[in-house]
Amino acid sequence: MSEGPEHDLWTPHTVEETRDIYRRWAKEYDRDVLGWGYVTPTRVARALRAAGADVNQPTLDFGCGTGLSGQALAAEGFKLVDGTDISPEMLAKAKKRDLYRSVWQGRPGKCDEIQPGDYAGIVAAGVVSMGAAPPETLDLLVSLLTPGNLLAFSYNDATLADSGYMDALDTACKTSGMALVFEEHGPHLPEKKVESTVYVLQRT
């Protein structure tokens, strides 16, 4: 991996900078993060299942990257998974995994391709975080939930220390009809000594 992506993690970026980081990193991303012990996709998928998600209903892998979270969802038995990401280079890797029913390149801050309630479950593993998607992304994802739908996501250590992201989480938890049904702190990138908290929100 080139020095750039590793040293650019967990710091604020513009959309253009984020796209450039993942464009440069796409080829070696899986090798690098798996070498660091990346476990958050598995933890997020398991949390979604533990929160009562129906594996036979459609699930959206938001910010799917190269498909590691889609792989984790498949391992937990989820059968109808779609993926979206703003990085065409990362998305090309996800397509090759043959895990997704459908994949598409998304636009930052938008999810016009779907309507609220289209997905019984949404996952965003390592996506709404410092250096990746901004705090307001959480509000976007919450807006896609209808009663019974679940949203599973993670905040890494740098994100947990940022007031903007924590305020977004607090707002989401206080939104009428939303309930925090799962919260667990644990490993994220063990080799980097970075942890994350996995959350699941449900629209009641």
C-alpha atoms as a PDB file:
ATOM      1  CA  MET A   1       0.000   0.000   0.000  1.00  0.00           C
ATOM      2  CA  SER A   2       1.255   3.483  -0.761  1.00  0.00           C
ATOM      3  CA  GLU A   3       1.930   5.739   2.194  1.00  0.00           C
ATOM      4  CA  GLY A   4      -0.929   8.114   1.332  1.00  0.00           C
ATOM      5  CA  PRO A   5      -4.057   6.110   2.230  1.00  0.00           C
ATOM      6  CA  GLU A   6      -2.757   4.754   5.523  1.00  0.00           C
ATOM      7  CA  HIS A   7      -1.610   8.141   6.700  1.00  0.00           C
ATOM      8  CA  ASP A   8      -4.809   9.803   5.485  1.00  0.00           C
ATOM      9  CA  LEU A   9      -7.161   7.640   7.542  1.00  0.00           C
ATOM     10  CA  TRP A  10      -9.286   9.106  10.347  1.00  0.00           C
ATOM     11  CA  THR A  11      -8.858  12.738   9.363  1.00  0.00           C
ATOM     12  CA  PRO A  12     -11.445  15.023   7.707  1.00  0.00           C
ATOM     13  CA  HIS A  13     -11.587  15.013   3.892  1.00  0.00           C
ATOM     14  CA  THR A  14     -13.553  16.567   1.090  1.00  0.00           C
ATOM     15  CA  VAL A  15     -15.533  14.231  -1.169  1.00  0.00           C
ATOM     16  CA  GLU A  16     -12.886  14.609  -3.849  1.00  0.00           C
ATOM     17  CA  GLU A  17     -10.097  13.727  -1.414  1.00  0.00           C
ATOM     18  CA  THR A  18     -12.007  10.689  -0.181  1.00  0.00           C
ATOM     19  CA  ARG A  19     -12.578   9.444  -3.724  1.00  0.00           C
ATOM     20  CA  ASP A  20      -8.881   9.905  -4.484  1.00  0.00           C
ATOM     21  CA  ILE A  21      -7.816   7.996  -1.381  1.00  0.00           C
ATOM     22  CA  TYR A  22      -9.946   4.991  -2.293  1.00  0.00           C
ATOM     23  CA  ARG A  23      -9.051   5.218  -5.985  1.00  0.00           C
ATOM     24  CA  ARG A  24      -5.384   4.873  -5.055  1.00  0.00           C
ATOM     25  CA  TRP A  25      -6.078   2.263  -2.401  1.00  0.00           C
ATOM     26  CA  ALA A  26      -8.575   0.000  -4.200  1.00  0.00           C
ATOM     27  CA  LYS A  27      -6.042  -2.486  -5.564  1.00  0.00           C
ATOM     28  CA  GLU A  28      -4.453  -3.212  -2.180  1.00  0.00           C
ATOM     29  CA  TYR A  29      -7.337  -2.389   0.154  1.00  0.00           C
ATOM     30  CA  ASP A  30      -8.378  -5.960   0.992  1.00  0.00           C
ATOM     31  CA  ARG A  31      -4.821  -7.106   1.557  1.00  0.00           C
ATOM     32  CA  ASP A  32      -4.074  -4.171   3.827  1.00  0.00           C
ATOM     33  CA  VAL A  33      -7.167  -4.080   6.021  1.00  0.00           C
ATOM     34  CA  LEU A  34      -7.367  -7.855   6.360  1.00  0.00           C
ATOM     35  CA  GLY A  35      -3.714  -7.805   7.323  1.00  0.00           C
ATOM     36  CA  TRP A  36      -4.663  -5.370  10.070  1.00  0.00           C
ATOM     37  CA  GLY A  37      -7.328  -7.816  11.266  1.00  0.00           C
ATOM     38  CA  TYR A  38     -10.336  -5.802  10.048  1.00  0.00           C
ATOM     39  CA  VAL A  39     -13.299  -7.308  11.896  1.00  0.00           C
ATOM     40  CA  THR A  40     -15.948  -4.578  11.918  1.00  0.00           C
ATOM     41  CA  PRO A  41     -17.904  -5.867   8.873  1.00  0.00           C
ATOM     42  CA  THR A  42     -18.353  -9.204  10.633  1.00  0.00           C
ATOM     43  CA  ARG A  43     -19.374  -7.493  13.872  1.00  0.00           C
ATOM     44  CA  VAL A  44     -21.898  -5.283  12.051  1.00  0.00           C
ATOM     45  CA  ALA A  45     -23.432  -8.218  10.161  1.00  0.00           C
ATOM     46  CA  ARG A  46     -23.733 -10.244  13.361  1.00  0.00           C
ATOM     47  CA  ALA A  47     -25.282  -7.290  15.185  1.00  0.00           C
ATOM     48  CA  LEU A  48     -27.899  -6.897  12.466  1.00  0.00           C
ATOM     49  CA  ARG A  49     -28.758 -10.586  12.727  1.00  0.00           C
ATOM     50  CA  ALA A  50     -28.811 -10.430  16.539  1.00  0.00           C
ATOM     51  CA  ALA A  51     -31.212  -7.467  16.394  1.00  0.00           C
ATOM     52  CA  GLY A  52     -33.730  -9.675  14.638  1.00  0.00           C
ATOM     53  CA  ALA A  53     -33.171  -8.914  10.966  1.00  0.00           C
ATOM     54  CA  ASP A  54     -34.868 -11.272   8.507  1.00  0.00           C
ATOM     55  CA  VAL A  55     -32.126 -12.740   6.317  1.00  0.00           C
ATOM     56  CA  ASN A  56     -34.664 -13.386   3.561  1.00  0.00           C
ATOM     57  CA  GLN A  57     -35.588  -9.716   3.202  1.00  0.00           C
ATOM     58  CA  PRO A  58     -33.564  -7.219   1.111  1.00  0.00           C
ATOM     59  CA  THR A  59     -30.532  -5.656   2.796  1.00  0.00           C
ATOM     60  CA  LEU A  60     -28.565  -2.629   1.614  1.00  0.00           C
ATOM     61  CA  ASP A  61     -24.794  -2.534   2.037  1.00  0.00           C
ATOM     62  CA  PHE A  62     -24.272   1.229   2.048  1.00  0.00           C
ATOM     63  CA  GLY A  63     -20.665   2.166   1.293  1.00  0.00           C
ATOM     64  CA  CYS A  64     -19.947  -1.416   0.306  1.00  0.00           C
ATOM     65  CA  GLY A  65     -16.373  -0.720  -0.802  1.00  0.00           C
ATOM     66  CA  THR A  66     -14.733  -3.875  -2.162  1.00  0.00           C
ATOM     67  CA  GLY A  67     -17.475  -6.066  -0.743  1.00  0.00           C
ATOM     68  CA  LEU A  68     -16.008  -7.182   2.567  1.00  0.00           C
ATOM     69  CA  SER A  69     -19.231  -6.270   4.369  1.00  0.00           C
ATOM     70  CA  GLY A  70     -21.261  -8.074   1.698  1.00  0.00           C
ATOM     71  CA  GLN A  71     -19.121 -11.117   2.365  1.00  0.00           C
ATOM     72  CA  ALA A  72     -19.804 -10.801   6.093  1.00  0.00           C
ATOM     73  CA  LEU A  73     -23.556 -10.514   5.453  1.00  0.00           C
ATOM     74  CA  ALA A  74     -23.492 -13.619   3.272  1.00  0.00           C
ATOM     75  CA  ALA A  75     -21.683 -15.499   6.024  1.00  0.00           C
ATOM     76  CA  GLU A  76     -24.526 -14.577   8.390  1.00  0.00           C
ATOM     77  CA  GLY A  77     -27.091 -15.938   5.943  1.00  0.00           C
ATOM     78  CA  PHE A  78     -28.388 -12.747   4.325  1.00  0.00           C
ATOM     79  CA  LYS A  79     -29.571 -13.715   0.859  1.00  0.00           C
ATOM     80  CA  LEU A  80     -30.720 -10.539  -0.922  1.00  0.00           C
ATOM     81  CA  VAL A  81     -28.003  -7.917  -0.610  1.00  0.00           C
ATOM     82  CA  ASP A  82     -27.506  -4.832  -2.775  1.00  0.00           C
ATOM     83  CA  GLY A  83     -24.443  -2.602  -2.596  1.00  0.00           C
ATOM     84  CA  THR A  84     -23.623   1.019  -3.302  1.00  0.00           C
ATOM     85  CA  ASP A  85     -20.450   3.071  -3.025  1.00  0.00           C
ATOM     86  CA  ILE A  86     -19.150   6.410  -4.319  1.00  0.00           C
ATOM     87  CA  SER A  87     -15.810   4.919  -5.428  1.00  0.00           C
ATOM     88  CA  PRO A  88     -15.998   3.253  -8.868  1.00  0.00           C
ATOM     89  CA  GLU A  89     -12.674   1.519  -8.275  1.00  0.00           C
ATOM     90  CA  MET A  90     -13.809  -0.044  -5.011  1.00  0.00           C
ATOM     91  CA  LEU A  91     -17.197  -0.907  -6.496  1.00  0.00           C
ATOM     92  CA  ALA A  92     -15.535  -2.772  -9.362  1.00  0.00           C
ATOM     93  CA  LYS A  93     -13.909  -5.034  -6.775  1.00  0.00           C
ATOM     94  CA  ALA A  94     -17.265  -5.624  -5.056  1.00  0.00           C
ATOM     95  CA  LYS A  95     -18.905  -6.650  -8.337  1.00  0.00           C
ATOM     96  CA  LYS A  96     -16.306  -9.351  -8.873  1.00  0.00           C
ATOM     97  CA  ARG A  97     -17.255 -11.060  -5.614  1.00  0.00           C
ATOM     98  CA  ASP A  98     -20.607 -12.118  -7.084  1.00  0.00           C
ATOM     99  CA  LEU A  99     -22.283 -11.545  -3.712  1.00  0.00           C
ATOM    100  CA  TYR A 100     -24.704  -8.768  -4.585  1.00  0.00           C
ATOM    101  CA  ARG A 101     -28.074  -8.873  -6.292  1.00  0.00           C
ATOM    102  CA  SER A 102     -27.384  -5.357  -7.582  1.00  0.00           C
ATOM    103  CA  VAL A 103     -24.644  -2.746  -7.205  1.00  0.00           C
ATOM    104  CA  TRP A 104     -24.493   0.894  -8.230  1.00  0.00           C
ATOM    105  CA  GLN A 105     -22.295   3.941  -7.861  1.00  0.00           C
ATOM    106  CA  GLY A 106     -23.873   6.362  -5.435  1.00  0.00           C
ATOM    107  CA  ARG A 107     -23.638  10.118  -5.088  1.00  0.00           C
ATOM    108  CA  PRO A 108     -22.352  11.737  -1.885  1.00  0.00           C
ATOM    109  CA  GLY A 109     -25.173  12.748   0.418  1.00  0.00           C
ATOM    110  CA  LYS A 110     -27.805  11.151  -1.807  1.00  0.00           C
ATOM    111  CA  CYS A 111     -29.632   7.853  -2.085  1.00  0.00           C
ATOM    112  CA  ASP A 112     -32.218   8.704  -4.717  1.00  0.00           C
ATOM    113  CA  GLU A 113     -32.217   5.191  -6.152  1.00  0.00           C
ATOM    114  CA  ILE A 114     -34.288   3.799  -3.289  1.00  0.00           C
ATOM    115  CA  GLN A 115     -37.376   4.704  -1.300  1.00  0.00           C
ATOM    116  CA  PRO A 116     -37.898   4.433   2.474  1.00  0.00           C
ATOM    117  CA  GLY A 117     -38.762   0.871   3.348  1.00  0.00           C
ATOM    118  CA  ASP A 118     -37.148  -0.717   0.284  1.00  0.00           C
ATOM    119  CA  TYR A 119     -34.690  -2.479   2.594  1.00  0.00           C
ATOM    120  CA  ALA A 120     -35.557  -4.259   5.820  1.00  0.00           C
ATOM    121  CA  GLY A 121     -31.956  -3.804   6.890  1.00  0.00           C
ATOM    122  CA  ILE A 122     -29.205  -1.330   6.045  1.00  0.00           C
ATOM    123  CA  VAL A 123     -25.558  -1.747   7.028  1.00  0.00           C
ATOM    124  CA  ALA A 124     -22.818   0.885   6.956  1.00  0.00           C
ATOM    125  CA  ALA A 125     -19.665  -0.796   8.225  1.00  0.00           C
ATOM    126  CA  GLY A 126     -16.895   1.746   8.731  1.00  0.00           C
ATOM    127  CA  VAL A 127     -18.718   4.227   6.501  1.00  0.00           C
ATOM    128  CA  VAL A 128     -20.172   7.011   8.664  1.00  0.00           C
ATOM    129  CA  SER A 129     -16.817   7.919  10.127  1.00  0.00           C
ATOM    130  CA  MET A 130     -13.992  10.414  10.300  1.00  0.00           C
ATOM    131  CA  GLY A 131     -12.209  10.373   6.959  1.00  0.00           C
ATOM    132  CA  ALA A 132     -15.096   8.736   5.115  1.00  0.00           C
ATOM    133  CA  ALA A 133     -18.758   9.832   5.064  1.00  0.00           C
ATOM    134  CA  PRO A 134     -19.717  12.964   7.064  1.00  0.00           C
ATOM    135  CA  PRO A 135     -21.987  12.947  10.152  1.00  0.00           C
ATOM    136  CA  GLU A 136     -25.122  13.971   8.233  1.00  0.00           C
ATOM    137  CA  THR A 137     -24.946  10.636   6.383  1.00  0.00           C
ATOM    138  CA  LEU A 138     -26.445   9.036   9.469  1.00  0.00           C
ATOM    139  CA  ASP A 139     -29.554  11.197   9.137  1.00  0.00           C
ATOM    140  CA  LEU A 140     -29.825  10.171   5.473  1.00  0.00           C
ATOM    141  CA  LEU A 141     -29.755   6.498   6.403  1.00  0.00           C
ATOM    142  CA  VAL A 142     -32.287   6.966   9.196  1.00  0.00           C
ATOM    143  CA  SER A 143     -34.621   8.638   6.680  1.00  0.00           C
ATOM    144  CA  LEU A 144     -34.644   5.417   4.630  1.00  0.00           C
ATOM    145  CA  LEU A 145     -36.143   3.376   7.465  1.00  0.00           C
ATOM    146  CA  THR A 146     -39.831   2.541   7.875  1.00  0.00           C
ATOM    147  CA  PRO A 147     -41.355   0.721  10.882  1.00  0.00           C
ATOM    148  CA  GLY A 148     -39.518  -2.505  11.636  1.00  0.00           C
ATOM    149  CA  ASN A 149     -36.460  -1.618   9.522  1.00  0.00           C
ATOM    150  CA  LEU A 150     -32.984  -1.822  11.054  1.00  0.00           C
ATOM    151  CA  LEU A 151     -29.794   0.182  10.534  1.00  0.00           C
ATOM    152  CA  ALA A 152     -26.465  -1.327  11.659  1.00  0.00           C
ATOM    153  CA  PHE A 153     -23.341   0.842  11.568  1.00  0.00           C
ATOM    154  CA  SER A 154     -20.051   1.497  13.310  1.00  0.00           C
ATOM    155  CA  TYR A 155     -18.066   4.381  14.761  1.00  0.00           C
ATOM    156  CA  ASN A 156     -14.313   3.884  15.081  1.00  0.00           C
ATOM    157  CA  ASP A 157     -12.252   5.479  17.860  1.00  0.00           C
ATOM    158  CA  ALA A 158     -11.560   8.701  15.961  1.00  0.00           C
ATOM    159  CA  THR A 159     -15.249   9.040  15.153  1.00  0.00           C
ATOM    160  CA  LEU A 160     -16.291   8.396  18.739  1.00  0.00           C
ATOM    161  CA  ALA A 161     -14.024  11.284  19.761  1.00  0.00           C
ATOM    162  CA  ASP A 162     -15.632  13.721  17.306  1.00  0.00           C
ATOM    163  CA  SER A 163     -18.527  15.823  18.607  1.00  0.00           C
ATOM    164  CA  GLY A 164     -20.130  16.171  15.170  1.00  0.00           C
ATOM    165  CA  TYR A 165     -20.553  12.435  14.774  1.00  0.00           C
ATOM    166  CA  MET A 166     -21.676  11.961  18.358  1.00  0.00           C
ATOM    167  CA  ASP A 167     -24.232  14.747  17.980  1.00  0.00           C
ATOM    168  CA  ALA A 168     -25.546  13.017  14.846  1.00  0.00           C
ATOM    169  CA  LEU A 169     -25.884   9.779  16.789  1.00  0.00           C
ATOM    170  CA  ASP A 170     -27.657  11.541  19.653  1.00  0.00           C
ATOM    171  CA  THR A 171     -30.077  13.165  17.206  1.00  0.00           C
ATOM    172  CA  ALA A 172     -30.771   9.826  15.526  1.00  0.00           C
ATOM    173  CA  CYS A 173     -31.458   8.132  18.849  1.00  0.00           C
ATOM    174  CA  LYS A 174     -33.844  10.921  19.859  1.00  0.00           C
ATOM    175  CA  THR A 175     -35.715  10.913  16.545  1.00  0.00           C
ATOM    176  CA  SER A 176     -39.363  10.057  17.029  1.00  0.00           C
ATOM    177  CA  GLY A 177     -39.959   6.377  16.385  1.00  0.00           C
ATOM    178  CA  MET A 178     -36.280   5.394  16.564  1.00  0.00           C
ATOM    179  CA  ALA A 179     -34.802   3.038  19.138  1.00  0.00           C
ATOM    180  CA  LEU A 180     -31.200   2.045  19.829  1.00  0.00           C
ATOM    181  CA  VAL A 181     -31.472  -1.747  20.095  1.00  0.00           C
ATOM    182  CA  PHE A 182     -27.797  -2.769  20.038  1.00  0.00           C
ATOM    183  CA  GLU A 183     -24.519  -1.192  21.151  1.00  0.00           C
ATOM    184  CA  GLU A 184     -21.182  -2.963  21.547  1.00  0.00           C
ATOM    185  CA  HIS A 185     -17.610  -1.697  21.686  1.00  0.00           C
ATOM    186  CA  GLY A 186     -14.916  -4.015  20.403  1.00  0.00           C
ATOM    187  CA  PRO A 187     -12.102  -4.567  17.897  1.00  0.00           C
ATOM    188  CA  HIS A 188     -11.925  -2.727  14.592  1.00  0.00           C
ATOM    189  CA  LEU A 189      -8.341  -3.002  13.306  1.00  0.00           C
ATOM    190  CA  PRO A 190      -6.545  -4.989  16.015  1.00  0.00           C
ATOM    191  CA  GLU A 191      -3.103  -4.695  14.414  1.00  0.00           C
ATOM    192  CA  LYS A 192      -3.493  -0.906  14.460  1.00  0.00           C
ATOM    193  CA  LYS A 193      -4.898  -0.980  18.002  1.00  0.00           C
ATOM    194  CA  VAL A 194      -8.079   0.731  16.790  1.00  0.00           C
ATOM    195  CA  GLU A 195     -11.501  -0.217  18.134  1.00  0.00           C
ATOM    196  CA  SER A 196     -15.069   0.627  17.152  1.00  0.00           C
ATOM    197  CA  THR A 197     -18.574   0.664  18.553  1.00  0.00           C
ATOM    198  CA  VAL A 198     -21.258  -1.127  16.589  1.00  0.00           C
ATOM    199  CA  TYR A 199     -24.802   0.230  16.842  1.00  0.00           C
ATOM    200  CA  VAL A 200     -28.175  -0.943  15.566  1.00  0.00           C
ATOM    201  CA  LEU A 201     -31.097   1.467  15.305  1.00  0.00           C
ATOM    202  CA  GLN A 202     -34.657   0.361  14.620  1.00  0.00           C
ATOM    203  CA  ARG A 203     -37.629   2.310  13.379  1.00  0.00           C
ATOM    204  CA  THR A 204     -40.482   1.262  15.660  1.00  0.00           C
END
